[in-house]
C-alpha atoms as a PDB file:
ATOM      1  CA  UNK A   1      88.189  47.747 -17.459  1.00  0.00           C
ATOM      2  CA  UNK A   2      90.693  47.584 -14.503  1.00  0.00           C
ATOM      3  CA  UNK A   3      93.674  45.356 -13.862  1.00  0.00           C
ATOM      4  CA  UNK A   4      92.426  44.287 -10.467  1.00  0.00           C
ATOM      5  CA  UNK A   5      95.056  46.093  -8.506  1.00  0.00           C
ATOM      6  CA  UNK A   6      92.742  48.614  -6.829  1.00  0.00           C
ATOM      7  CA  UNK A   7      89.814  46.908  -5.082  1.00  0.00           C
ATOM      8  CA  UNK A   8      88.239  50.198  -4.434  1.00  0.00           C
ATOM      9  CA  UNK A   9      88.029  51.081  -8.175  1.00  0.00           C
ATOM     10  CA  UNK A  10      86.909  47.590  -8.961  1.00  0.00           C
ATOM     11  CA  UNK A  11      83.837  47.923  -6.626  1.00  0.00           C
ATOM     12  CA  UNK A  12      82.940  51.315  -7.866  1.00  0.00           C
ATOM     13  CA  UNK A  13      83.278  50.156 -11.534  1.00  0.00           C
ATOM     14  CA  UNK A  14      80.927  47.275 -10.818  1.00  0.00           C
ATOM     15  CA  UNK A  15      78.551  49.649  -8.809  1.00  0.00           C
ATOM     16  CA  UNK A  16      77.971  51.762 -11.921  1.00  0.00           C
ATOM     17  CA  UNK A  17      77.881  48.967 -14.468  1.00  0.00           C
ATOM     18  CA  UNK A  18      81.135  50.000 -16.123  1.00  0.00           C
ATOM     19  CA  UNK A  19      82.203  46.336 -16.179  1.00  0.00           C
ATOM     20  CA  UNK A  20      79.280  45.589 -18.409  1.00  0.00           C
ATOM     21  CA  UNK A  21      79.174  48.612 -20.760  1.00  0.00           C
ATOM     22  CA  UNK A  22      82.024  50.536 -22.386  1.00  0.00           C
ATOM     23  CA  UNK A  23      82.464  54.284 -22.289  1.00  0.00           C
ATOM     24  CA  UNK A  24      81.858  56.022 -25.592  1.00  0.00           C
ATOM     25  CA  UNK A  25      84.375  58.430 -27.258  1.00  0.00           C
ATOM     26  CA  UNK A  26      83.737  61.936 -28.588  1.00  0.00           C
ATOM     27  CA  UNK A  27      86.456  64.469 -29.625  1.00  0.00           C
ATOM     28  CA  UNK A  28      89.211  62.225 -28.384  1.00  0.00           C
ATOM     29  CA  UNK A  29      87.695  62.041 -24.830  1.00  0.00           C
ATOM     30  CA  UNK A  30      85.772  59.189 -23.207  1.00  0.00           C
ATOM     31  CA  UNK A  31      82.430  59.469 -21.604  1.00  0.00           C
ATOM     32  CA  UNK A  32      80.141  57.087 -19.660  1.00  0.00           C
ATOM     33  CA  UNK A  33      76.616  57.354 -18.485  1.00  0.00           C
ATOM     34  CA  UNK A  34      75.887  54.895 -15.631  1.00  0.00           C
ATOM     35  CA  UNK A  35      72.688  52.784 -16.150  1.00  0.00           C
ATOM     36  CA  UNK A  36      72.771  51.834 -12.433  1.00  0.00           C
ATOM     37  CA  UNK A  37      74.253  53.286  -9.248  1.00  0.00           C
ATOM     38  CA  UNK A  38      73.977  50.831  -6.587  1.00  0.00           C
ATOM     39  CA  UNK A  39      75.824  47.895  -4.850  1.00  0.00           C
ATOM     40  CA  UNK A  40      74.262  45.533  -2.320  1.00  0.00           C
ATOM     41  CA  UNK A  41      77.047  44.394   0.054  1.00  0.00           C
ATOM     42  CA  UNK A  42      77.088  41.267   2.111  1.00  0.00           C
ATOM     43  CA  UNK A  43      78.284  41.181   5.716  1.00  0.00           C
ATOM     44  CA  UNK A  44      81.834  42.139   4.624  1.00  0.00           C
ATOM     45  CA  UNK A  45      81.349  45.653   3.679  1.00  0.00           C
ATOM     46  CA  UNK A  46      84.518  47.471   5.258  1.00  0.00           C
ATOM     47  CA  UNK A  47      85.777  48.650   1.844  1.00  0.00           C
ATOM     48  CA  UNK A  48      82.483  50.319   1.150  1.00  0.00           C
ATOM     49  CA  UNK A  49      82.543  52.045   4.559  1.00  0.00           C
ATOM     50  CA  UNK A  50      85.992  53.339   3.845  1.00  0.00           C
ATOM     51  CA  UNK A  51      84.656  54.912   0.443  1.00  0.00           C
ATOM     52  CA  UNK A  52      81.717  56.292   2.426  1.00  0.00           C
ATOM     53  CA  UNK A  53      84.034  57.940   5.016  1.00  0.00           C
ATOM     54  CA  UNK A  54      86.029  59.460   2.185  1.00  0.00           C
ATOM     55  CA  UNK A  55      82.856  60.850   0.612  1.00  0.00           C
ATOM     56  CA  UNK A  56      83.101  58.761  -2.532  1.00  0.00           C
ATOM     57  CA  UNK A  57      80.087  56.468  -1.637  1.00  0.00           C
ATOM     58  CA  UNK A  58      76.780  56.784   0.322  1.00  0.00           C
ATOM     59  CA  UNK A  59      75.276  54.152   2.434  1.00  0.00           C
ATOM     60  CA  UNK A  60      71.583  53.383   2.126  1.00  0.00           C
ATOM     61  CA  UNK A  61      69.205  51.068   3.913  1.00  0.00           C
ATOM     62  CA  UNK A  62      70.232  47.590   5.418  1.00  0.00           C
ATOM     63  CA  UNK A  63      69.695  44.751   3.041  1.00  0.00           C
ATOM     64  CA  UNK A  64      68.572  41.229   3.632  1.00  0.00           C
ATOM     65  CA  UNK A  65      72.322  39.786   3.190  1.00  0.00           C
ATOM     66  CA  UNK A  66      73.540  41.508   6.555  1.00  0.00           C
ATOM     67  CA  UNK A  67      75.007  44.342   4.593  1.00  0.00           C
ATOM     68  CA  UNK A  68      73.834  47.590   2.983  1.00  0.00           C
ATOM     69  CA  UNK A  69      73.031  49.224  -0.256  1.00  0.00           C
ATOM     70  CA  UNK A  70      75.700  51.616  -1.386  1.00  0.00           C
ATOM     71  CA  UNK A  71      75.877  54.100  -4.065  1.00  0.00           C
ATOM     72  CA  UNK A  72      78.721  56.396  -5.582  1.00  0.00           C
ATOM     73  CA  UNK A  73      78.365  60.119  -4.788  1.00  0.00           C
ATOM     74  CA  UNK A  74      79.198  62.894  -7.256  1.00  0.00           C
ATOM     75  CA  UNK A  75      82.576  63.175  -5.640  1.00  0.00           C
ATOM     76  CA  UNK A  76      83.076  59.384  -6.046  1.00  0.00           C
ATOM     77  CA  UNK A  77      82.128  59.526  -9.782  1.00  0.00           C
ATOM     78  CA  UNK A  78      84.691  62.365 -10.257  1.00  0.00           C
ATOM     79  CA  UNK A  79      87.294  60.403  -8.385  1.00  0.00           C
ATOM     80  CA  UNK A  80      86.550  57.113 -10.476  1.00  0.00           C
ATOM     81  CA  UNK A  81      86.560  59.158 -13.797  1.00  0.00           C
ATOM     82  CA  UNK A  82      89.944  60.473 -12.783  1.00  0.00           C
ATOM     83  CA  UNK A  83      91.296  57.109 -12.038  1.00  0.00           C
ATOM     84  CA  UNK A  84      90.117  55.786 -15.411  1.00  0.00           C
ATOM     85  CA  UNK A  85      90.559  58.807 -17.505  1.00  0.00           C
ATOM     86  CA  UNK A  86      86.871  59.144 -18.511  1.00  0.00           C
ATOM     87  CA  UNK A  87      83.936  61.760 -17.646  1.00  0.00           C
ATOM     88  CA  UNK A  88      81.171  59.841 -15.778  1.00  0.00           C
ATOM     89  CA  UNK A  89      77.789  61.432 -15.949  1.00  0.00           C
ATOM     90  CA  UNK A  90      75.032  61.069 -13.401  1.00  0.00           C
ATOM     91  CA  UNK A  91      71.711  62.799 -14.082  1.00  0.00           C
ATOM     92  CA  UNK A  92      70.715  62.538 -10.336  1.00  0.00           C
ATOM     93  CA  UNK A  93      73.913  64.054  -8.860  1.00  0.00           C
END
């Protein structure tokens, strides 16, 4: 889905499962409905903290890997959709 040049985009894509399922097209526009919205980080989670400070991600509880559970916020989904040229739905946001 991405070319690997933007690590933040790559992390967000994986978080919502866009690396496993493709967006669908309707009226010449692309759409995606995430089937998940979480990422369990390890001890190295600086990139996720940067996205959380920007308002693109939220940080949940600590996990057993020495990191945290992160999720994309509505603002983050809009940012990612803009970067990829798709509209990303999220029923919970």
